[in-house]
Every structure is written in C-alpha cells, then in structure tokens.
PDB file of N, CA and C in Angstrom:
ATOM      1  N   UNK A   1      -0.360 -13.386  -4.461  1.00  0.00           N
ATOM      2  CA  UNK A   1       0.745 -12.266  -4.563  1.00  0.00           C
ATOM      3  C   UNK A   1       1.719 -12.383  -3.246  1.00  0.00           C
ATOM      4  N   UNK A   2       3.251 -12.956  -3.740  1.00  0.00           N
ATOM      5  CA  UNK A   2       4.245 -13.098  -2.758  1.00  0.00           C
ATOM      6  C   UNK A   2       4.829 -11.857  -2.241  1.00  0.00           C
ATOM      7  N   UNK A   3       5.546 -11.894  -1.281  1.00  0.00           N
ATOM      8  CA  UNK A   3       6.018 -11.135  -1.123  1.00  0.00           C
ATOM      9  C   UNK A   3       7.215 -10.451  -2.440  1.00  0.00           C
ATOM     10  N   UNK A   4       7.692 -11.530  -2.924  1.00  0.00           N
ATOM     11  CA  UNK A   4       8.747 -11.484  -4.125  1.00  0.00           C
ATOM     12  C   UNK A   4       7.780 -10.304  -5.328  1.00  0.00           C
ATOM     13  N   UNK A   5       6.828 -10.889  -5.444  1.00  0.00           N
ATOM     14  CA  UNK A   5       6.128  -9.754  -6.201  1.00  0.00           C
ATOM     15  C   UNK A   5       5.690  -8.734  -5.759  1.00  0.00           C
ATOM     16  N   UNK A   6       5.379  -8.276  -4.994  1.00  0.00           N
ATOM     17  CA  UNK A   6       5.399  -7.249  -3.936  1.00  0.00           C
ATOM     18  C   UNK A   6       6.637  -6.445  -4.518  1.00  0.00           C
ATOM     19  N   UNK A   7       7.748  -6.767  -4.278  1.00  0.00           N
ATOM     20  CA  UNK A   7       9.310  -6.119  -4.369  1.00  0.00           C
ATOM     21  C   UNK A   7       9.517  -6.152  -5.819  1.00  0.00           C
ATOM     22  N   UNK A   8       9.490  -6.927  -6.165  1.00  0.00           N
ATOM     23  CA  UNK A   8       9.501  -7.055  -8.304  1.00  0.00           C
ATOM     24  C   UNK A   8       8.430  -5.466  -8.553  1.00  0.00           C
ATOM     25  N   UNK A   9       7.186  -5.354  -7.518  1.00  0.00           N
ATOM     26  CA  UNK A   9       6.469  -4.389  -8.122  1.00  0.00           C
ATOM     27  C   UNK A   9       6.805  -2.811  -8.057  1.00  0.00           C
ATOM     28  N   UNK A  10       7.862  -3.087  -6.804  1.00  0.00           N
ATOM     29  CA  UNK A  10       8.633  -1.344  -6.591  1.00  0.00           C
ATOM     30  C   UNK A  10       9.618  -1.318  -7.260  1.00  0.00           C
ATOM     31  N   UNK A  11      10.228  -2.343  -8.020  1.00  0.00           N
ATOM     32  CA  UNK A  11      11.497  -1.910  -8.329  1.00  0.00           C
ATOM     33  C   UNK A  11      11.499  -1.043  -8.607  1.00  0.00           C
ATOM     34  N   UNK A  12      11.017  -1.328 -10.094  1.00  0.00           N
ATOM     35  CA  UNK A  12      10.933  -0.033 -11.399  1.00  0.00           C
ATOM     36  C   UNK A  12      11.402   1.122 -10.078  1.00  0.00           C
ATOM     37  N   UNK A  13      10.982   1.705  -9.511  1.00  0.00           N
ATOM     38  CA  UNK A  13      10.473   3.020  -8.977  1.00  0.00           C
ATOM     39  C   UNK A  13       9.730   3.552  -9.131  1.00  0.00           C
ATOM     40  N   UNK A  14       8.699   3.565 -10.117  1.00  0.00           N
ATOM     41  CA  UNK A  14       7.435   3.648 -10.475  1.00  0.00           C
ATOM     42  C   UNK A  14       6.815   4.370  -9.504  1.00  0.00           C
ATOM     43  N   UNK A  15       6.536   3.347  -8.479  1.00  0.00           N
ATOM     44  CA  UNK A  15       5.662   3.156  -7.044  1.00  0.00           C
ATOM     45  C   UNK A  15       6.390   3.334  -5.938  1.00  0.00           C
ATOM     46  N   UNK A  16       6.347   4.806  -5.884  1.00  0.00           N
ATOM     47  CA  UNK A  16       7.122   5.375  -4.567  1.00  0.00           C
ATOM     48  C   UNK A  16       6.743   4.755  -2.904  1.00  0.00           C
ATOM     49  N   UNK A  17       5.393   4.514  -3.062  1.00  0.00           N
ATOM     50  CA  UNK A  17       4.902   3.909  -1.930  1.00  0.00           C
ATOM     51  C   UNK A  17       3.873   3.125  -1.997  1.00  0.00           C
ATOM     52  N   UNK A  18       3.422   2.347  -1.058  1.00  0.00           N
ATOM     53  CA  UNK A  18       2.572   1.113  -1.537  1.00  0.00           C
ATOM     54  C   UNK A  18       2.310   0.515   0.365  1.00  0.00           C
ATOM     55  N   UNK A  19       0.996  -0.051  -0.097  1.00  0.00           N
ATOM     56  CA  UNK A  19       0.566  -0.505   1.343  1.00  0.00           C
ATOM     57  C   UNK A  19      -0.270  -1.771   0.459  1.00  0.00           C
ATOM     58  N   UNK A  20      -0.121  -2.806   1.061  1.00  0.00           N
ATOM     59  CA  UNK A  20      -0.122  -4.151   0.488  1.00  0.00           C
ATOM     60  C   UNK A  20      -1.804  -4.718   1.471  1.00  0.00           C
ATOM     61  N   UNK A  21      -1.698  -5.517   1.032  1.00  0.00           N
ATOM     62  CA  UNK A  21      -3.083  -5.972   1.240  1.00  0.00           C
ATOM     63  C   UNK A  21      -4.673  -5.057   2.158  1.00  0.00           C
ATOM     64  N   UNK A  22      -5.598  -4.985   2.988  1.00  0.00           N
ATOM     65  CA  UNK A  22      -6.307  -4.317   3.453  1.00  0.00           C
ATOM     66  C   UNK A  22      -5.603  -3.320   4.467  1.00  0.00           C
ATOM     67  N   UNK A  23      -4.479  -3.221   4.025  1.00  0.00           N
ATOM     68  CA  UNK A  23      -4.472  -1.736   5.252  1.00  0.00           C
ATOM     69  C   UNK A  23      -5.123  -0.609   4.703  1.00  0.00           C
ATOM     70  N   UNK A  24      -5.124  -0.411   3.820  1.00  0.00           N
ATOM     71  CA  UNK A  24      -6.298   0.354   2.765  1.00  0.00           C
ATOM     72  C   UNK A  24      -7.259   1.021   3.821  1.00  0.00           C
ATOM     73  N   UNK A  25      -8.357   0.093   4.578  1.00  0.00           N
ATOM     74  CA  UNK A  25      -9.059  -0.241   4.821  1.00  0.00           C
ATOM     75  C   UNK A  25      -8.777   0.624   6.891  1.00  0.00           C
ATOM     76  N   UNK A  26      -7.453   0.386   7.116  1.00  0.00           N
ATOM     77  CA  UNK A  26      -6.907   0.924   8.509  1.00  0.00           C
ATOM     78  C   UNK A  26      -6.920   2.315   7.998  1.00  0.00           C
ATOM     79  N   UNK A  27      -6.515   3.104   7.294  1.00  0.00           N
ATOM     80  CA  UNK A  27      -5.925   4.365   6.804  1.00  0.00           C
ATOM     81  C   UNK A  27      -7.254   4.281   6.976  1.00  0.00           C
ATOM     82  N   UNK A  28      -8.449   4.428   6.677  1.00  0.00           N
ATOM     83  CA  UNK A  28     -10.240   5.489   6.674  1.00  0.00           C
ATOM     84  C   UNK A  28      -9.856   5.459   8.011  1.00  0.00           C
ATOM     85  N   UNK A  29      -9.023   4.925   9.366  1.00  0.00           N
ATOM     86  CA  UNK A  29     -10.080   5.447  11.081  1.00  0.00           C
ATOM     87  C   UNK A  29      -8.883   6.292  10.937  1.00  0.00           C
ATOM     88  N   UNK A  30      -7.575   6.797  10.255  1.00  0.00           N
ATOM     89  CA  UNK A  30      -7.147   7.875  10.221  1.00  0.00           C
ATOM     90  C   UNK A  30      -7.674   9.000   9.129  1.00  0.00           C
ATOM     91  N   UNK A  31      -8.397   9.678   8.794  1.00  0.00           N
ATOM     92  CA  UNK A  31      -8.895  10.514   8.020  1.00  0.00           C
ATOM     93  C   UNK A  31      -8.171  11.796   7.792  1.00  0.00           C
ATOM     94  N   UNK A  32      -7.410  12.583   9.108  1.00  0.00           N
ATOM     95  CA  UNK A  32      -6.843  13.531   8.938  1.00  0.00           C
ATOM     96  C   UNK A  32      -5.511  13.523   8.435  1.00  0.00           C
ATOM     97  N   UNK A  33      -5.078  12.232   8.193  1.00  0.00           N
ATOM     98  CA  UNK A  33      -3.747  11.965   7.510  1.00  0.00           C
ATOM     99  C   UNK A  33      -3.778  10.845   6.185  1.00  0.00           C
ATOM    100  N   UNK A  34      -4.855  10.671   5.785  1.00  0.00           N
ATOM    101  CA  UNK A  34      -5.044   9.746   4.859  1.00  0.00           C
ATOM    102  C   UNK A  34      -6.311   9.904   4.029  1.00  0.00           C
ATOM    103  N   UNK A  35      -7.051   9.522   2.770  1.00  0.00           N
ATOM    104  CA  UNK A  35      -7.756   9.683   2.170  1.00  0.00           C
ATOM    105  C   UNK A  35      -7.656   8.541   1.259  1.00  0.00           C
ATOM    106  N   UNK A  36      -8.782   7.604   1.539  1.00  0.00           N
ATOM    107  CA  UNK A  36      -9.483   6.813   0.556  1.00  0.00           C
ATOM    108  C   UNK A  36     -10.438   6.475   0.192  1.00  0.00           C
ATOM    109  N   UNK A  37     -10.736   6.491  -1.445  1.00  0.00           N
ATOM    110  CA  UNK A  37     -11.858   6.376  -2.027  1.00  0.00           C
ATOM    111  C   UNK A  37     -12.614   4.845  -2.112  1.00  0.00           C
ATOM    112  N   UNK A  38     -13.160   4.567  -1.146  1.00  0.00           N
ATOM    113  CA  UNK A  38     -13.862   3.503  -0.807  1.00  0.00           C
ATOM    114  C   UNK A  38     -13.631   2.442  -2.121  1.00  0.00           C
ATOM    115  N   UNK A  39     -14.503   2.997  -3.157  1.00  0.00           N
ATOM    116  CA  UNK A  39     -14.656   2.064  -4.435  1.00  0.00           C
ATOM    117  C   UNK A  39     -13.926   2.067  -5.133  1.00  0.00           C
ATOM    118  N   UNK A  40     -12.623   2.433  -4.807  1.00  0.00           N
ATOM    119  CA  UNK A  40     -11.557   2.506  -6.175  1.00  0.00           C
ATOM    120  C   UNK A  40     -10.529   1.908  -4.962  1.00  0.00           C
ATOM    121  N   UNK A  41     -10.425   2.520  -3.736  1.00  0.00           N
ATOM    122  CA  UNK A  41      -9.136   1.874  -2.485  1.00  0.00           C
ATOM    123  C   UNK A  41      -8.272   3.452  -2.923  1.00  0.00           C
ATOM    124  N   UNK A  42      -8.257   4.012  -4.367  1.00  0.00           N
ATOM    125  CA  UNK A  42      -6.948   5.304  -4.319  1.00  0.00           C
ATOM    126  C   UNK A  42      -7.125   5.683  -3.326  1.00  0.00           C
ATOM    127  N   UNK A  43      -5.509   5.793  -2.631  1.00  0.00           N
ATOM    128  CA  UNK A  43      -5.531   6.141  -1.608  1.00  0.00           C
ATOM    129  C   UNK A  43      -4.234   7.060  -1.282  1.00  0.00           C
ATOM    130  N   UNK A  44      -4.668   8.897  -1.049  1.00  0.00           N
ATOM    131  CA  UNK A  44      -3.771   9.851  -0.678  1.00  0.00           C
ATOM    132  C   UNK A  44      -3.428   9.532   0.250  1.00  0.00           C
ATOM    133  N   UNK A  45      -2.131  10.411   1.362  1.00  0.00           N
ATOM    134  CA  UNK A  45      -1.657  10.905   1.858  1.00  0.00           C
ATOM    135  C   UNK A  45      -1.946  12.232   1.820  1.00  0.00           C
ATOM    136  N   UNK A  46      -2.559  12.689   2.509  1.00  0.00           N
ATOM    137  CA  UNK A  46      -3.152  14.536   2.656  1.00  0.00           C
ATOM    138  C   UNK A  46      -1.667  15.170   3.339  1.00  0.00           C
ATOM    139  N   UNK A  47      -0.461  15.708   2.256  1.00  0.00           N
ATOM    140  CA  UNK A  47       0.300  16.313   2.781  1.00  0.00           C
ATOM    141  C   UNK A  47       0.470  17.896   1.778  1.00  0.00           C
ATOM    142  N   UNK A  48       0.812  18.567   1.905  1.00  0.00           N
ATOM    143  CA  UNK A  48       1.626  20.001   0.505  1.00  0.00           C
ATOM    144  C   UNK A  48       2.963  19.727  -0.017  1.00  0.00           C
ATOM    145  N   UNK A  49       2.655  18.557  -1.540  1.00  0.00           N
ATOM    146  CA  UNK A  49       1.688  18.300  -2.247  1.00  0.00           C
ATOM    147  C   UNK A  49       1.195  16.550  -2.111  1.00  0.00           C
ATOM    148  N   UNK A  50       0.085  16.374  -1.913  1.00  0.00           N
ATOM    149  CA  UNK A  50      -0.392  15.214  -1.928  1.00  0.00           C
ATOM    150  C   UNK A  50       0.390  14.113  -2.241  1.00  0.00           C
ATOM    151  N   UNK A  51       0.966  13.215  -1.291  1.00  0.00           N
ATOM    152  CA  UNK A  51       1.492  11.852  -1.838  1.00  0.00           C
ATOM    153  C   UNK A  51       0.450  10.928  -2.145  1.00  0.00           C
ATOM    154  N   UNK A  52       0.672  10.273  -3.395  1.00  0.00           N
ATOM    155  CA  UNK A  52      -0.502   9.225  -4.028  1.00  0.00           C
ATOM    156  C   UNK A  52       0.386   7.730  -3.573  1.00  0.00           C
ATOM    157  N   UNK A  53      -0.651   6.886  -2.666  1.00  0.00           N
ATOM    158  CA  UNK A  53      -0.251   5.425  -2.549  1.00  0.00           C
ATOM    159  C   UNK A  53      -1.088   4.437  -3.153  1.00  0.00           C
ATOM    160  N   UNK A  54      -0.201   3.216  -3.233  1.00  0.00           N
ATOM    161  CA  UNK A  54      -0.656   2.639  -4.551  1.00  0.00           C
ATOM    162  C   UNK A  54      -1.294   1.333  -4.042  1.00  0.00           C
ATOM    163  N   UNK A  55      -1.890   0.570  -3.302  1.00  0.00           N
ATOM    164  CA  UNK A  55      -2.339  -0.695  -3.005  1.00  0.00           C
ATOM    165  C   UNK A  55      -2.319  -1.681  -4.029  1.00  0.00           C
ATOM    166  N   UNK A  56      -1.464  -2.998  -3.954  1.00  0.00           N
ATOM    167  CA  UNK A  56      -0.813  -3.385  -4.287  1.00  0.00           C
ATOM    168  C   UNK A  56      -1.849  -4.636  -4.749  1.00  0.00           C
ATOM    169  N   UNK A  57      -2.386  -5.023  -3.726  1.00  0.00           N
ATOM    170  CA  UNK A  57      -2.873  -6.120  -3.856  1.00  0.00           C
ATOM    171  C   UNK A  57      -4.232  -6.495  -2.425  1.00  0.00           C
ATOM    172  N   UNK A  58      -5.611  -6.882  -2.819  1.00  0.00           N
ATOM    173  CA  UNK A  58      -6.392  -6.989  -1.640  1.00  0.00           C
ATOM    174  C   UNK A  58      -5.945  -8.160  -0.857  1.00  0.00           C
ATOM    175  N   UNK A  59      -6.552  -8.200   0.397  1.00  0.00           N
ATOM    176  CA  UNK A  59      -6.147  -8.930   1.600  1.00  0.00           C
ATOM    177  C   UNK A  59      -6.542 -10.806   0.838  1.00  0.00           C
ATOM    178  N   UNK A  60      -7.249 -10.958   0.151  1.00  0.00           N
ATOM    179  CA  UNK A  60      -7.721 -12.225  -0.317  1.00  0.00           C
ATOM    180  C   UNK A  60      -6.393 -12.627  -1.365  1.00  0.00           C
ATOM    181  N   UNK A  61      -5.955 -11.750  -1.763  1.00  0.00           N
ATOM    182  CA  UNK A  61      -4.798 -12.555  -2.757  1.00  0.00           C
ATOM    183  C   UNK A  61      -3.117 -12.462  -2.320  1.00  0.00           C
ATOM    184  N   UNK A  62      -3.333 -11.546  -0.766  1.00  0.00           N
ATOM    185  CA  UNK A  62      -1.866 -11.698  -0.436  1.00  0.00           C
ATOM    186  C   UNK A  62      -1.951 -12.457   0.888  1.00  0.00           C
ATOM    187  N   UNK A  63      -1.634 -13.841   0.468  1.00  0.00           N
ATOM    188  CA  UNK A  63      -1.347 -14.887   1.380  1.00  0.00           C
ATOM    189  C   UNK A  63       0.266 -15.354   2.685  1.00  0.00           C
ATOM    190  N   UNK A  64       0.900 -14.088   2.125  1.00  0.00           N
ATOM    191  CA  UNK A  64       1.883 -14.248   3.048  1.00  0.00           C
ATOM    192  C   UNK A  64       1.970 -13.068   4.550  1.00  0.00           C
ATOM    193  N   UNK A  65       2.954 -13.488   5.509  1.00  0.00           N
ATOM    194  CA  UNK A  65       3.383 -12.212   6.959  1.00  0.00           C
ATOM    195  C   UNK A  65       3.755 -11.132   6.573  1.00  0.00           C
ATOM    196  N   UNK A  66       2.850 -10.163   6.351  1.00  0.00           N
ATOM    197  CA  UNK A  66       3.606  -8.574   5.707  1.00  0.00           C
ATOM    198  C   UNK A  66       3.837  -7.889   7.151  1.00  0.00           C
ATOM    199  N   UNK A  67       5.145  -7.511   7.399  1.00  0.00           N
ATOM    200  CA  UNK A  67       4.812  -6.869   8.807  1.00  0.00           C
ATOM    201  C   UNK A  67       6.489  -6.482   9.135  1.00  0.00           C
ATOM    202  N   UNK A  68       6.462  -5.468  10.214  1.00  0.00           N
ATOM    203  CA  UNK A  68       7.938  -5.251  10.726  1.00  0.00           C
ATOM    204  C   UNK A  68       9.095  -5.994  11.011  1.00  0.00           C
ATOM    205  N   UNK A  69       9.000  -7.433  10.193  1.00  0.00           N
ATOM    206  CA  UNK A  69       9.617  -8.100  10.474  1.00  0.00           C
ATOM    207  C   UNK A  69      10.465  -9.088   8.936  1.00  0.00           C
ATOM    208  N   UNK A  70       9.193  -8.031   7.638  1.00  0.00           N
ATOM    209  CA  UNK A  70       9.142  -8.704   6.622  1.00  0.00           C
ATOM    210  C   UNK A  70      10.473  -8.030   5.960  1.00  0.00           C
ATOM    211  N   UNK A  71      11.404  -8.642   5.653  1.00  0.00           N
ATOM    212  CA  UNK A  71      13.047  -8.421   4.483  1.00  0.00           C
ATOM    213  C   UNK A  71      12.610  -7.553   3.994  1.00  0.00           C
ATOM    214  N   UNK A  72      13.264  -6.335   3.487  1.00  0.00           N
ATOM    215  CA  UNK A  72      12.966  -5.452   2.057  1.00  0.00           C
ATOM    216  C   UNK A  72      13.863  -5.612   1.135  1.00  0.00           C
ATOM    217  N   UNK A  73      13.221  -5.963  -0.216  1.00  0.00           N
ATOM    218  CA  UNK A  73      14.601  -6.287  -1.299  1.00  0.00           C
ATOM    219  C   UNK A  73      15.442  -4.983  -1.118  1.00  0.00           C
ATOM    220  N   UNK A  74      16.332  -5.436  -1.686  1.00  0.00           N
ATOM    221  CA  UNK A  74      17.177  -4.594  -2.742  1.00  0.00           C
ATOM    222  C   UNK A  74      17.854  -4.832  -3.689  1.00  0.00           C
TER     223      UNK A  74
END
C-alpha cells in the first residue's frame, strides 16, 4: 500500500483517524489510552465518547516510509 493509497482511503471523510502499518502494536503498550483487540486490530482511543481508529495496512503491505516528514494530501 502506498502513501497515495492511504491518502485516498482517508479522502472520503468516512475514516476520521487511521493508523498505518504495525503501529497498533505500539498502542498496545499504552493501555491507559488505547484499546487494541489483538485478534482483529480493532483500535479505540479511550475517551468519552470512545474514538474508533482504523488500521489501514499491516506492516508487510506498507513499504514506504511514513513518519512526521510524510506530506499530507490535500
């Protein structure tokens, strides 16, 4: 999955927050803020109300760098 594919997935506005690649595993280390179902990767930010987060791609499918220097699409 490319950076463009991620931007296209977010473009329609149906997905408000997305985590790319294996970042959901990093969220497991912060259980006071996030809940990640280990089987399905269904991820929720624990707030009131809870905020669902969609995992866009497993790390094996996302081969491009994606960090703070990645340009957002407009």
